[in-house]
Amino acid sequence: MKMTLCHLTGSLKGRTQYFDTDSISFGIGGECGIVFDETKDSTVCPVHAELAVEDQSPVIRDRSGQNALLINGQRSTEAQLKDGDLIQFGEGGPLVRFRLLCDEAPECKPWKHIVEDSRDIVVRTPHPRSMSAFYLTRHLLADVARYGSLPAKIAAAALILVPMLIIALLGITTYRQYQTARASEQRMAELVGQLEAGRLTSANLEQRIERERQHAAELSRQRDELVATLTASLKEQEATRRSQQEIQAIRRQLTTLEGAQKFAEDIVRRFEGGVGLLQGGYGFREKETGRPLRYQGFDPRGNPFLDKDGNTLVTTDGTAPPVVIYYAGTGFLVDRVGTIVTNRHMTRMWETYEPAQQALQAGFEPELRLLRIFFPGTPEPYTLQLLGASEQTDLAVLWTDRPPAGVAPLALAPAGETPGVGEPVVVLSYPGTFDSILARLAKPISDEILREGAANSVRLAEALARRKLVRPLATQGHVSNVSPEAITFEAGGGGGSSGGPVFDKNGRVIAVNSAGFTKVHGLNLGLPVRLARDLLAQLRVPVREPVRHSTEGP
């Protein structure tokens, strides 16, 4: 089987290699069939990959031991190659285009391939835009001279006689490409600005924490006032010898308040260890080239450069860090082998965010760059893999290969049971994410964490986990409506509540929190646990059946 490799980047850039063999290896070791320069290609391993012909099909396998083989931008341990596939040896390493040739193909390179390869080499080579025409012409002529057919070489010689015409034509094309690229970058800058509208800064995070503290204090004050009012009323009624009915009514109200508090406290005590803070991050890359969308740079305080309109400056060139949009939510453990249930949008956040959708329409595709979970009491995060997501409902199942030790998984309510309207519920989640967690800490501690995290979502989460301060918040409410596809309940929520378990009075998960109603404060939508059971069954994940245990409640 005849095959060719065109090196688009790396120490072998510009070379096209022909081979007709059943097996060939890649690496920096001398025993490899294709040897890269270890001083220039630092991401390449001694034996990085091996290509073999199996059943008349070329198959490439990762031999690096580091999961460092990328096919068309995606990490892969084994892949069947197709004509035109892009092979990369390590993140940012040498990029090679693979091509298949028929057995009768001549030992020369088609003009179409020469043009495509030269263009892609120039695109991936850092250079001033004004020099694009020069570099493209140089690569075209070099490729024709080395690999072109005789007619192609004659044509190239003729073209050398009219360089000014070529330069003029390419100059116009380059200028148009430059204008198109500038317009695309400007559009993406506007979209990234919208996507990062919630980007953390130290100042606004401190303000949000203070508002959260004031809100929590106000709720506590209102509850204390209600208890004090009811207690005083009870004493007054008893002193004036009012009817037993009035006295019993007040006692019932006090009992309800106390029972609700005990209900929530018991749920937290028993199950908080299995409810984790889920953190994700995604970016974008060009569909055609696979190049990631990057920041143009950062100021001394670590903030991205902005244009005159306040939009984040982005580019697909250079080596600055890629743009990553961070988000957070909740996930909960359902077995002892590391299976976690959450919302589907927690793994595909770009599907539910309009600016992200516009970025996709502009010729970019999403790339999940971070997905991990922090469980209470554990100082390190757990990396997550997606087992599967429902296409019909907002549910997903994740997995970590090292589940937290000693943490009891949450029990799912039987699929056939339906909660009644008015029944009490408790939601364990991370509403407000960092706001609510930091607001529950003493100010000196939260200030110390803020200084350490520097308003960076990744560092803030890690700083909280190291101090074992990641703990979910319990919000109480009642079921307000039940349908086959949704359970509506009244309970506080907010950003970060997505994916949180909704418990009934028996300590069983009856729903997965999915969304809040923006026009009705405190009203939330949960997906019945039956739907989660269905997805787990589709993925062949055994479900732990609950043991009947009534939690004292109102």
Protein backbone atom coordinates (compact mmCIF):
# COMPACT_ATOMS: atom_id res chain seq x y z
CA MET A 1 0.00 0.00 0.00
CA LYS A 2 1.47 3.34 -1.07
CA MET A 3 1.32 6.19 1.42
CA THR A 4 2.80 9.66 1.83
CA LEU A 5 3.45 11.91 4.79
CA CYS A 6 3.75 15.67 4.39
CA HIS A 7 5.35 17.39 7.39
CA LEU A 8 3.51 20.67 8.04
CA THR A 9 5.45 21.64 11.20
CA GLY A 10 8.41 20.41 13.22
CA SER A 11 11.99 19.56 12.38
CA LEU A 12 10.97 17.84 9.12
CA LYS A 13 8.70 20.69 7.98
CA GLY A 14 8.29 20.87 4.21
CA ARG A 15 9.36 17.30 3.53
CA THR A 16 7.10 14.78 1.81
CA GLN A 17 7.98 11.13 2.44
CA TYR A 18 6.81 8.25 0.26
CA PHE A 19 6.74 4.70 1.55
CA ASP A 20 5.30 1.35 0.57
CA THR A 21 5.58 -0.87 3.65
CA ASP A 22 3.38 -2.79 6.05
CA SER A 23 4.78 -1.12 9.17
CA ILE A 24 6.66 2.03 10.12
CA SER A 25 7.42 3.69 13.46
CA PHE A 26 7.76 7.35 14.45
CA GLY A 27 9.93 8.89 17.16
CA ILE A 28 13.30 10.38 18.01
CA GLY A 29 14.97 7.02 18.46
CA GLY A 30 17.41 5.88 15.81
CA GLU A 31 15.53 2.62 15.33
CA CYS A 32 12.41 4.42 14.09
CA GLY A 33 11.51 4.54 10.41
CA ILE A 34 10.74 8.26 10.61
CA VAL A 35 13.08 10.07 12.99
CA PHE A 36 12.40 13.55 14.36
CA ASP A 37 15.07 15.89 15.74
CA GLU A 38 14.89 15.58 19.53
CA THR A 39 16.42 19.06 20.01
CA LYS A 40 13.62 20.71 18.01
CA ASP A 41 10.69 18.38 18.62
CA SER A 42 10.65 18.10 22.40
CA THR A 43 7.13 16.60 22.54
CA VAL A 44 8.14 13.50 20.56
CA CYS A 45 8.97 10.32 22.51
CA PRO A 46 11.72 7.83 21.59
CA VAL A 47 9.08 5.57 20.02
CA HIS A 48 5.97 7.70 19.76
CA ALA A 49 3.68 5.82 17.37
CA GLU A 50 3.53 2.93 14.97
CA LEU A 51 1.65 2.72 11.66
CA ALA A 52 0.74 -0.70 10.30
CA VAL A 53 -1.35 -1.99 7.41
CA GLU A 54 -4.01 -4.37 8.71
CA ASP A 55 -6.68 -5.89 6.44
CA GLN A 56 -5.75 -3.41 3.69
CA SER A 57 -6.30 -0.48 6.07
CA PRO A 58 -3.65 1.77 7.67
CA VAL A 59 -3.88 1.79 11.48
CA ILE A 60 -1.80 4.02 13.75
CA ARG A 61 -1.25 3.29 17.45
CA ASP A 62 0.12 5.42 20.28
CA ARG A 63 3.37 3.94 21.65
CA SER A 64 4.35 6.97 23.77
CA GLY A 65 2.73 5.71 26.97
CA GLN A 66 1.57 9.29 27.58
CA ASN A 67 -1.64 9.43 25.50
CA ALA A 68 0.23 11.93 23.33
CA LEU A 69 -1.03 11.02 19.86
CA LEU A 70 -3.59 13.36 18.26
CA ILE A 71 -5.60 12.53 15.15
CA ASN A 72 -7.35 15.57 13.66
CA GLY A 73 -6.90 17.38 16.97
CA GLN A 74 -8.36 14.57 19.12
CA ARG A 75 -6.27 12.41 21.46
CA SER A 76 -6.33 8.78 20.34
CA THR A 77 -4.60 5.57 21.34
CA GLU A 78 -5.53 3.81 18.09
CA ALA A 79 -7.13 5.03 14.88
CA GLN A 80 -7.76 3.86 11.34
CA LEU A 81 -6.28 6.53 9.09
CA LYS A 82 -8.10 8.07 6.15
CA ASP A 83 -6.76 10.10 3.29
CA GLY A 84 -6.05 13.65 4.45
CA ASP A 85 -5.96 12.93 8.20
CA LEU A 86 -3.75 15.15 10.38
CA ILE A 87 -1.39 13.36 12.80
CA GLN A 88 0.23 15.29 15.66
CA PHE A 89 2.91 13.89 17.93
CA GLY A 90 2.18 15.52 21.29
CA GLU A 91 0.31 18.72 22.15
CA GLY A 92 1.96 21.45 20.05
CA GLY A 93 4.27 18.86 18.47
CA PRO A 94 5.06 18.08 14.80
CA LEU A 95 1.98 17.99 12.56
CA VAL A 96 1.89 15.59 9.60
CA ARG A 97 -0.72 15.10 6.85
CA PHE A 98 -1.32 11.47 5.86
CA ARG A 99 -2.31 10.52 2.31
CA LEU A 100 -3.16 7.24 0.60
CA LEU A 101 -2.05 6.58 -2.98
CA CYS A 102 -3.29 4.01 -5.44
CA ASP A 103 -0.78 1.36 -6.48
CA GLU A 104 -0.50 2.88 -9.98
CA ALA A 105 0.24 6.39 -8.68
CA PRO A 106 3.41 7.94 -10.19
CA GLU A 107 6.40 8.86 -8.02
CA CYS A 108 5.56 12.55 -8.13
CA LYS A 109 3.31 14.86 -6.18
CA PRO A 110 0.03 16.12 -7.69
CA TRP A 111 -0.26 19.89 -8.12
CA LYS A 112 -3.35 19.96 -5.88
CA HIS A 113 -1.39 18.40 -3.01
CA ILE A 114 1.53 20.76 -3.55
CA VAL A 115 -0.74 23.79 -3.25
CA GLU A 116 -2.63 22.43 -0.22
CA ASP A 117 0.52 21.46 1.66
CA SER A 118 2.35 24.71 0.90
CA ARG A 119 -0.64 26.75 2.05
CA ASP A 120 -0.97 24.78 5.30
CA ILE A 121 2.75 25.04 6.04
CA VAL A 122 2.63 28.83 5.63
CA VAL A 123 -0.51 29.12 7.78
CA ARG A 124 1.21 27.26 10.61
CA THR A 125 4.52 29.12 10.36
CA PRO A 126 4.75 32.30 12.48
CA HIS A 127 5.54 35.23 10.17
CA PRO A 128 4.40 38.78 9.42
CA ARG A 129 1.21 38.76 7.37
CA SER A 130 2.86 40.97 4.77
CA MET A 131 5.32 38.13 4.02
CA SER A 132 2.66 35.46 3.39
CA ALA A 133 2.92 35.72 -0.40
CA PHE A 134 6.70 35.33 -0.29
CA TYR A 135 6.60 32.27 1.97
CA LEU A 136 3.84 30.63 -0.06
CA THR A 137 5.72 31.15 -3.33
CA ARG A 138 8.91 29.79 -1.82
CA HIS A 139 7.22 26.61 -0.55
CA LEU A 140 5.37 26.10 -3.84
CA LEU A 141 8.55 26.31 -5.88
CA ALA A 142 10.52 24.14 -3.46
CA ASP A 143 7.82 21.45 -3.47
CA VAL A 144 7.56 21.48 -7.25
CA ALA A 145 11.33 21.23 -7.60
CA ARG A 146 11.59 18.27 -5.23
CA TYR A 147 8.40 16.31 -5.85
CA GLY A 148 6.59 17.72 -8.89
CA SER A 149 6.15 16.07 -12.28
CA LEU A 150 8.14 17.26 -15.32
CA PRO A 151 5.25 19.41 -16.66
CA ALA A 152 4.86 20.93 -13.22
CA LYS A 153 8.55 21.79 -13.08
CA ILE A 154 8.36 23.43 -16.50
CA ALA A 155 5.33 25.40 -15.40
CA ALA A 156 7.14 26.48 -12.24
CA ALA A 157 10.10 27.68 -14.27
CA ALA A 158 7.75 29.73 -16.41
CA LEU A 159 6.14 31.22 -13.34
CA ILE A 160 9.50 32.38 -12.07
CA LEU A 161 9.68 34.62 -15.14
CA VAL A 162 6.58 36.50 -14.07
CA PRO A 163 7.08 36.87 -10.29
CA MET A 164 5.58 40.28 -10.09
CA LEU A 165 2.26 39.02 -11.41
CA ILE A 166 2.22 36.15 -8.93
CA ILE A 167 3.15 38.41 -6.04
CA ALA A 168 0.45 40.87 -7.02
CA LEU A 169 -2.22 38.19 -7.23
CA LEU A 170 -1.14 36.54 -4.01
CA GLY A 171 -0.87 39.92 -2.35
CA ILE A 172 -4.49 40.67 -3.16
CA THR A 173 -5.54 37.23 -1.89
CA THR A 174 -3.48 37.61 1.25
CA TYR A 175 -4.90 41.05 1.90
CA ARG A 176 -8.43 39.71 1.56
CA GLN A 177 -7.59 36.81 3.84
CA TYR A 178 -6.10 39.27 6.30
CA GLN A 179 -9.24 41.40 6.22
CA THR A 180 -11.42 38.31 6.64
CA ALA A 181 -9.24 37.09 9.52
CA ARG A 182 -9.38 40.50 11.20
CA ALA A 183 -13.18 40.59 10.88
CA SER A 184 -13.40 37.05 12.25
CA GLU A 185 -11.11 37.88 15.18
CA GLN A 186 -13.12 41.01 15.94
CA ARG A 187 -16.35 39.00 15.91
CA MET A 188 -14.83 36.35 18.18
CA ALA A 189 -13.50 39.08 20.49
CA GLU A 190 -17.06 40.34 20.92
CA LEU A 191 -18.37 36.82 21.55
CA VAL A 192 -15.60 35.99 24.03
CA GLY A 193 -16.40 39.26 25.79
CA GLN A 194 -20.00 38.06 26.18
CA LEU A 195 -18.89 34.58 27.25
CA GLU A 196 -16.59 36.08 29.89
CA ALA A 197 -19.19 38.53 31.16
CA GLY A 198 -19.07 36.65 34.47
CA ARG A 199 -15.28 36.55 34.61
CA LEU A 200 -14.14 36.85 38.21
CA THR A 201 -12.26 39.84 39.52
CA SER A 202 -11.16 40.27 43.12
CA ALA A 203 -13.29 43.38 43.57
CA ASN A 204 -16.59 42.06 42.25
CA LEU A 205 -16.10 38.67 43.96
CA GLU A 206 -15.63 40.42 47.31
CA GLN A 207 -18.81 42.42 46.68
CA ARG A 208 -20.76 39.27 45.82
CA ILE A 209 -19.47 37.51 48.94
CA GLU A 210 -20.56 40.43 51.12
CA ARG A 211 -24.04 40.43 49.53
CA GLU A 212 -24.27 36.68 50.14
CA ARG A 213 -23.31 37.17 53.80
CA GLN A 214 -25.95 39.87 54.21
CA HIS A 215 -28.58 37.67 52.55
CA ALA A 216 -27.75 34.70 54.81
CA ALA A 217 -27.83 36.93 57.89
CA GLU A 218 -31.21 38.35 56.86
CA LEU A 219 -32.69 34.86 56.38
CA SER A 220 -31.38 33.80 59.80
CA ARG A 221 -32.78 36.97 61.40
CA GLN A 222 -36.21 36.40 59.82
CA ARG A 223 -36.31 32.80 61.06
CA ASP A 224 -35.25 33.81 64.58
CA GLU A 225 -37.89 36.55 64.62
CA LEU A 226 -40.56 34.08 63.52
CA VAL A 227 -39.58 31.59 66.24
CA ALA A 228 -39.49 34.36 68.85
CA THR A 229 -42.90 35.67 67.75
CA LEU A 230 -44.47 32.22 67.88
CA THR A 231 -42.90 31.47 71.28
CA ALA A 232 -44.14 34.77 72.73
CA SER A 233 -47.59 34.19 71.25
CA LEU A 234 -47.69 30.71 72.77
CA LYS A 235 -46.84 32.06 76.24
CA GLU A 236 -49.45 34.80 75.86
CA GLN A 237 -52.12 32.32 74.81
CA GLU A 238 -51.29 30.03 77.74
CA ALA A 239 -51.29 32.96 80.19
CA THR A 240 -54.71 34.17 79.03
CA ARG A 241 -56.05 30.60 78.98
CA ARG A 242 -57.09 30.75 75.33
CA SER A 243 -58.59 27.73 73.62
CA GLN A 244 -56.54 24.59 73.24
CA GLN A 245 -57.02 24.80 69.44
CA GLU A 246 -55.21 28.14 69.23
CA ILE A 247 -52.39 26.92 71.46
CA GLN A 248 -52.00 23.68 69.48
CA ALA A 249 -51.91 25.61 66.20
CA ILE A 250 -48.98 27.70 67.41
CA ARG A 251 -47.20 24.61 68.75
CA ARG A 252 -47.62 22.92 65.37
CA GLN A 253 -45.99 25.90 63.65
CA LEU A 254 -43.04 25.75 66.04
CA THR A 255 -42.74 22.00 65.57
CA THR A 256 -42.81 22.46 61.79
CA LEU A 257 -39.97 25.00 61.92
CA GLU A 258 -37.88 22.82 64.22
CA GLY A 259 -38.63 19.71 62.17
CA ALA A 260 -37.65 21.40 58.91
CA GLN A 261 -34.34 22.44 60.43
CA LYS A 262 -33.65 18.91 61.72
CA PHE A 263 -34.70 17.46 58.35
CA ALA A 264 -32.13 19.58 56.49
CA GLU A 265 -29.42 19.00 59.10
CA ASP A 266 -29.92 15.23 58.93
CA ILE A 267 -29.72 15.22 55.11
CA VAL A 268 -26.49 17.24 55.23
CA ARG A 269 -24.97 15.02 57.93
CA ARG A 270 -25.74 11.79 56.09
CA PHE A 271 -25.22 12.67 52.45
CA GLU A 272 -23.05 15.76 51.93
CA GLY A 273 -19.93 13.65 51.38
CA GLY A 274 -21.37 12.28 48.13
CA VAL A 275 -22.35 15.66 46.66
CA GLY A 276 -19.45 17.30 44.83
CA LEU A 277 -18.58 20.67 43.34
CA LEU A 278 -18.28 20.01 39.60
CA GLN A 279 -16.01 22.34 37.63
CA GLY A 280 -15.63 22.47 33.87
CA GLY A 281 -14.03 24.60 31.20
CA TYR A 282 -14.30 24.71 27.42
CA GLY A 283 -12.67 26.56 24.54
CA PHE A 284 -12.94 26.82 20.78
CA ARG A 285 -10.82 25.87 17.79
CA GLU A 286 -11.06 26.48 14.05
CA LYS A 287 -12.82 23.68 12.22
CA GLU A 288 -10.57 23.84 9.18
CA THR A 289 -7.16 24.06 10.86
CA GLY A 290 -7.77 22.77 14.37
CA ARG A 291 -5.96 25.82 15.78
CA PRO A 292 -7.28 26.82 19.23
CA LEU A 293 -8.68 30.26 19.93
CA ARG A 294 -6.11 32.00 22.13
CA TYR A 295 -5.76 35.17 24.13
CA GLN A 296 -3.45 37.71 22.48
CA GLY A 297 -1.77 38.30 25.82
CA PHE A 298 -2.13 39.37 29.45
CA ASP A 299 -1.32 42.47 31.47
CA PRO A 300 0.91 42.30 34.61
CA ARG A 301 -2.16 41.58 36.78
CA GLY A 302 -3.06 38.54 34.69
CA ASN A 303 -6.05 40.08 32.90
CA PRO A 304 -6.42 39.54 29.11
CA PHE A 305 -5.65 42.42 26.77
CA LEU A 306 -8.77 44.33 25.70
CA ASP A 307 -9.59 46.37 22.60
CA LYS A 308 -10.90 49.94 22.71
CA ASP A 309 -14.46 48.62 23.14
CA GLY A 310 -13.53 46.49 26.15
CA ASN A 311 -13.64 43.17 24.28
CA THR A 312 -11.05 40.48 24.99
CA LEU A 313 -8.41 40.36 22.25
CA VAL A 314 -8.20 36.86 20.78
CA THR A 315 -6.38 35.17 17.92
CA THR A 316 -5.71 31.75 16.41
CA ASP A 317 -2.00 32.55 16.01
CA GLY A 318 0.82 32.59 18.52
CA THR A 319 1.48 30.57 21.65
CA ALA A 320 -0.51 32.43 24.32
CA PRO A 321 -2.84 30.33 26.52
CA PRO A 322 -6.07 29.18 24.86
CA VAL A 323 -9.35 30.86 25.78
CA VAL A 324 -11.13 28.76 28.42
CA ILE A 325 -14.64 29.55 29.67
CA TYR A 326 -15.04 28.13 33.18
CA TYR A 327 -18.29 27.11 34.85
CA ALA A 328 -19.38 25.16 37.92
CA GLY A 329 -22.27 23.06 39.14
CA THR A 330 -23.07 19.96 41.16
CA GLY A 331 -22.75 16.20 40.72
CA PHE A 332 -23.49 13.33 43.10
CA LEU A 333 -22.15 9.82 43.65
CA VAL A 334 -24.52 6.90 42.98
CA ASP A 335 -22.22 3.91 43.59
CA ARG A 336 -18.88 2.98 45.15
CA VAL A 337 -16.99 2.64 41.86
CA GLY A 338 -17.08 6.32 40.95
CA THR A 339 -20.30 6.80 38.95
CA ILE A 340 -21.66 10.36 39.15
CA VAL A 341 -24.97 11.81 37.94
CA THR A 342 -25.35 15.43 36.85
CA ASN A 343 -27.01 17.52 34.13
CA ARG A 344 -26.07 17.05 30.48
CA HIS A 345 -25.43 20.78 30.09
CA MET A 346 -22.67 20.45 32.69
CA THR A 347 -20.72 18.51 30.03
CA ARG A 348 -21.88 20.58 27.03
CA MET A 349 -22.27 24.07 28.40
CA TRP A 350 -21.87 25.57 24.92
CA GLU A 351 -25.21 24.04 23.89
CA THR A 352 -27.19 26.26 26.25
CA TYR A 353 -25.31 29.57 25.89
CA GLU A 354 -26.19 31.84 22.97
CA PRO A 355 -22.75 33.51 22.56
CA ALA A 356 -21.19 30.04 22.37
CA GLN A 357 -23.70 29.05 19.69
CA GLN A 358 -22.72 32.13 17.69
CA ALA A 359 -19.07 31.13 17.97
CA LEU A 360 -19.92 27.74 16.46
CA GLN A 361 -21.74 29.45 13.60
CA ALA A 362 -18.63 31.59 13.00
CA GLY A 363 -16.62 28.51 12.02
CA PHE A 364 -15.36 27.30 15.39
CA GLU A 365 -16.04 24.06 17.24
CA PRO A 366 -16.12 23.51 21.01
CA GLU A 367 -13.48 21.62 22.95
CA LEU A 368 -13.96 20.50 26.56
CA ARG A 369 -10.69 21.33 28.33
CA LEU A 370 -11.53 20.69 32.00
CA LEU A 371 -14.01 18.44 33.79
CA ARG A 372 -13.40 17.56 37.43
CA ILE A 373 -15.19 17.31 40.76
CA PHE A 374 -14.30 18.18 44.37
CA PHE A 375 -15.94 16.15 47.14
CA PRO A 376 -16.27 17.48 50.71
CA GLY A 377 -13.30 16.60 52.88
CA THR A 378 -10.99 15.67 50.00
CA PRO A 379 -8.06 17.99 49.23
CA GLU A 380 -7.61 16.95 45.60
CA PRO A 381 -10.01 17.06 42.63
CA TYR A 382 -11.16 13.95 40.78
CA THR A 383 -10.81 13.96 36.99
CA LEU A 384 -14.04 12.97 35.24
CA GLN A 385 -14.85 11.02 32.10
CA LEU A 386 -18.19 11.11 30.32
CA LEU A 387 -19.87 7.69 30.29
CA GLY A 388 -22.92 8.95 28.44
CA ALA A 389 -25.48 11.72 28.11
CA SER A 390 -29.17 11.56 27.29
CA GLU A 391 -30.24 13.21 24.05
CA GLN A 392 -33.82 13.57 25.31
CA THR A 393 -33.32 14.90 28.84
CA ASP A 394 -30.81 17.14 30.62
CA LEU A 395 -28.95 14.25 32.28
CA ALA A 396 -25.43 12.85 32.04
CA VAL A 397 -23.44 10.11 33.75
CA LEU A 398 -19.77 10.67 34.58
CA TRP A 399 -17.09 8.44 36.07
CA THR A 400 -13.89 8.84 38.04
CA ASP A 401 -11.41 5.99 38.26
CA ARG A 402 -10.61 6.71 41.93
CA PRO A 403 -13.84 7.30 43.88
CA PRO A 404 -13.51 9.00 47.28
CA ALA A 405 -12.87 6.46 50.01
CA GLY A 406 -15.39 6.06 52.79
CA VAL A 407 -18.11 8.10 51.07
CA ALA A 408 -21.57 6.53 50.97
CA PRO A 409 -23.26 6.78 47.57
CA LEU A 410 -26.70 8.36 47.39
CA ALA A 411 -29.74 6.09 47.08
CA LEU A 412 -32.16 6.72 44.22
CA ALA A 413 -35.87 6.47 44.97
CA PRO A 414 -37.71 3.62 43.21
CA ALA A 415 -38.73 4.50 39.66
CA GLY A 416 -42.38 3.74 40.34
CA GLU A 417 -42.74 6.10 43.30
CA THR A 418 -43.97 9.64 42.70
CA PRO A 419 -43.73 12.39 45.35
CA GLY A 420 -46.93 14.13 46.33
CA VAL A 421 -47.59 17.84 46.00
CA GLY A 422 -46.69 19.57 49.26
CA GLU A 423 -44.13 16.99 50.37
CA PRO A 424 -40.94 18.50 51.87
CA VAL A 425 -37.67 18.32 49.92
CA VAL A 426 -34.05 19.27 50.54
CA VAL A 427 -31.60 20.14 47.76
CA LEU A 428 -27.85 19.76 48.29
CA SER A 429 -25.88 21.84 45.80
CA TYR A 430 -23.47 24.71 45.34
CA PRO A 431 -25.66 27.73 44.48
CA GLY A 432 -23.56 30.77 43.73
CA THR A 433 -20.54 28.43 43.77
CA PHE A 434 -17.66 30.44 45.25
CA ASP A 435 -19.92 33.22 46.57
CA SER A 436 -21.92 30.93 48.83
CA ILE A 437 -18.93 28.86 49.98
CA LEU A 438 -16.76 31.85 50.86
CA ALA A 439 -19.67 33.73 52.46
CA ARG A 440 -20.06 30.91 55.01
CA LEU A 441 -16.44 31.33 56.15
CA ALA A 442 -14.99 33.80 58.62
CA LYS A 443 -13.84 36.92 56.80
CA PRO A 444 -10.11 36.47 57.58
CA ILE A 445 -10.23 32.98 56.06
CA SER A 446 -12.16 34.04 52.96
CA ASP A 447 -9.79 37.01 52.47
CA GLU A 448 -6.79 34.67 52.67
CA ILE A 449 -8.31 32.33 50.07
CA LEU A 450 -9.13 35.26 47.79
CA ARG A 451 -5.53 36.43 47.94
CA GLU A 452 -4.29 32.94 47.18
CA GLY A 453 -6.79 32.29 44.39
CA ALA A 454 -6.47 35.78 42.87
CA ALA A 455 -10.04 35.53 41.56
CA ASN A 456 -9.03 32.59 39.33
CA SER A 457 -11.74 29.90 39.26
CA VAL A 458 -9.30 27.00 39.05
CA ARG A 459 -7.06 28.24 41.87
CA LEU A 460 -10.02 29.24 44.07
CA ALA A 461 -11.50 25.74 43.88
CA GLU A 462 -8.14 24.16 44.68
CA ALA A 463 -7.51 26.54 47.60
CA LEU A 464 -10.90 25.67 49.12
CA ALA A 465 -10.32 21.94 48.64
CA ARG A 466 -6.87 22.00 50.25
CA ARG A 467 -8.46 23.48 53.37
CA LYS A 468 -11.32 20.95 53.15
CA LEU A 469 -13.86 23.78 52.91
CA VAL A 470 -15.85 22.47 49.94
CA ARG A 471 -19.32 21.72 51.36
CA PRO A 472 -22.73 21.82 49.67
CA LEU A 473 -25.49 24.14 50.82
CA ALA A 474 -28.86 22.69 51.87
CA THR A 475 -31.97 24.50 50.66
CA GLN A 476 -35.44 23.43 51.76
CA GLY A 477 -38.78 23.56 50.04
CA HIS A 478 -41.86 21.65 49.00
CA VAL A 479 -43.04 19.88 45.86
CA SER A 480 -45.39 22.20 43.97
CA ASN A 481 -46.15 20.15 40.85
CA VAL A 482 -45.45 16.68 39.46
CA SER A 483 -45.54 15.44 35.86
CA PRO A 484 -44.00 12.40 34.13
CA GLU A 485 -41.11 14.52 32.83
CA ALA A 486 -40.55 17.07 35.60
CA ILE A 487 -40.93 17.78 39.31
CA THR A 488 -41.39 21.42 40.24
CA PHE A 489 -40.43 22.45 43.74
CA GLU A 490 -40.01 25.63 45.75
CA ALA A 491 -36.47 25.95 47.09
CA GLY A 492 -33.69 28.49 46.79
CA GLY A 493 -31.18 27.95 44.01
CA GLY A 494 -28.92 29.75 41.60
CA GLY A 495 -25.90 29.26 39.40
CA GLY A 496 -24.11 26.13 40.62
CA SER A 497 -27.30 24.31 41.67
CA SER A 498 -27.49 22.43 38.36
CA GLY A 499 -27.07 18.70 38.87
CA GLY A 500 -27.82 18.76 42.60
CA PRO A 501 -29.78 15.88 44.18
CA VAL A 502 -33.30 16.57 45.47
CA PHE A 503 -34.06 14.46 48.58
CA ASP A 504 -37.41 13.36 49.98
CA LYS A 505 -38.12 12.92 53.70
CA ASN A 506 -36.77 9.35 53.55
CA GLY A 507 -33.34 10.53 52.41
CA ARG A 508 -33.74 9.24 48.85
CA VAL A 509 -33.00 11.16 45.68
CA ILE A 510 -36.30 11.84 43.91
CA ALA A 511 -35.03 14.28 41.27
CA VAL A 512 -31.98 15.94 39.75
CA ASN A 513 -32.09 19.73 39.90
CA SER A 514 -31.98 21.09 36.36
CA ALA A 515 -33.14 24.70 36.09
CA GLY A 516 -34.73 27.61 37.89
CA PHE A 517 -37.59 29.76 36.64
CA THR A 518 -36.13 33.21 36.05
CA LYS A 519 -39.50 34.97 36.42
CA VAL A 520 -40.50 33.14 39.60
CA HIS A 521 -37.84 33.39 42.30
CA GLY A 522 -37.29 30.18 44.27
CA LEU A 523 -39.16 27.91 41.83
CA ASN A 524 -37.00 25.12 40.43
CA LEU A 525 -37.35 22.30 37.93
CA GLY A 526 -36.09 18.82 38.73
CA LEU A 527 -35.85 15.78 36.46
CA PRO A 528 -37.53 12.71 38.03
CA VAL A 529 -35.12 10.07 39.25
CA ARG A 530 -36.84 7.60 36.90
CA LEU A 531 -35.09 9.34 33.98
CA ALA A 532 -31.71 9.02 35.71
CA ARG A 533 -32.38 5.31 36.32
CA ASP A 534 -33.24 4.87 32.63
CA LEU A 535 -29.95 6.47 31.55
CA LEU A 536 -27.94 4.38 34.02
CA ALA A 537 -29.66 1.25 32.72
CA GLN A 538 -28.82 2.19 29.12
CA LEU A 539 -25.18 2.54 30.15
CA ARG A 540 -25.35 -0.78 32.07
CA VAL A 541 -24.52 0.87 35.39
CA PRO A 542 -25.97 -1.06 38.39
CA VAL A 543 -28.12 1.11 40.67
CA ARG A 544 -27.94 0.89 44.46
CA GLU A 545 -31.43 0.23 45.77
CA PRO A 546 -32.47 2.36 48.77
CA VAL A 547 -33.01 1.04 52.26
CA ARG A 548 -36.18 2.39 53.81
CA HIS A 549 -35.16 4.99 56.37
CA SER A 550 -37.42 7.84 57.37
CA THR A 551 -35.80 11.16 58.09
CA GLU A 552 -37.61 13.17 60.70
CA GLY A 553 -39.22 16.14 59.03
CA PRO A 554 -42.24 18.37 58.99
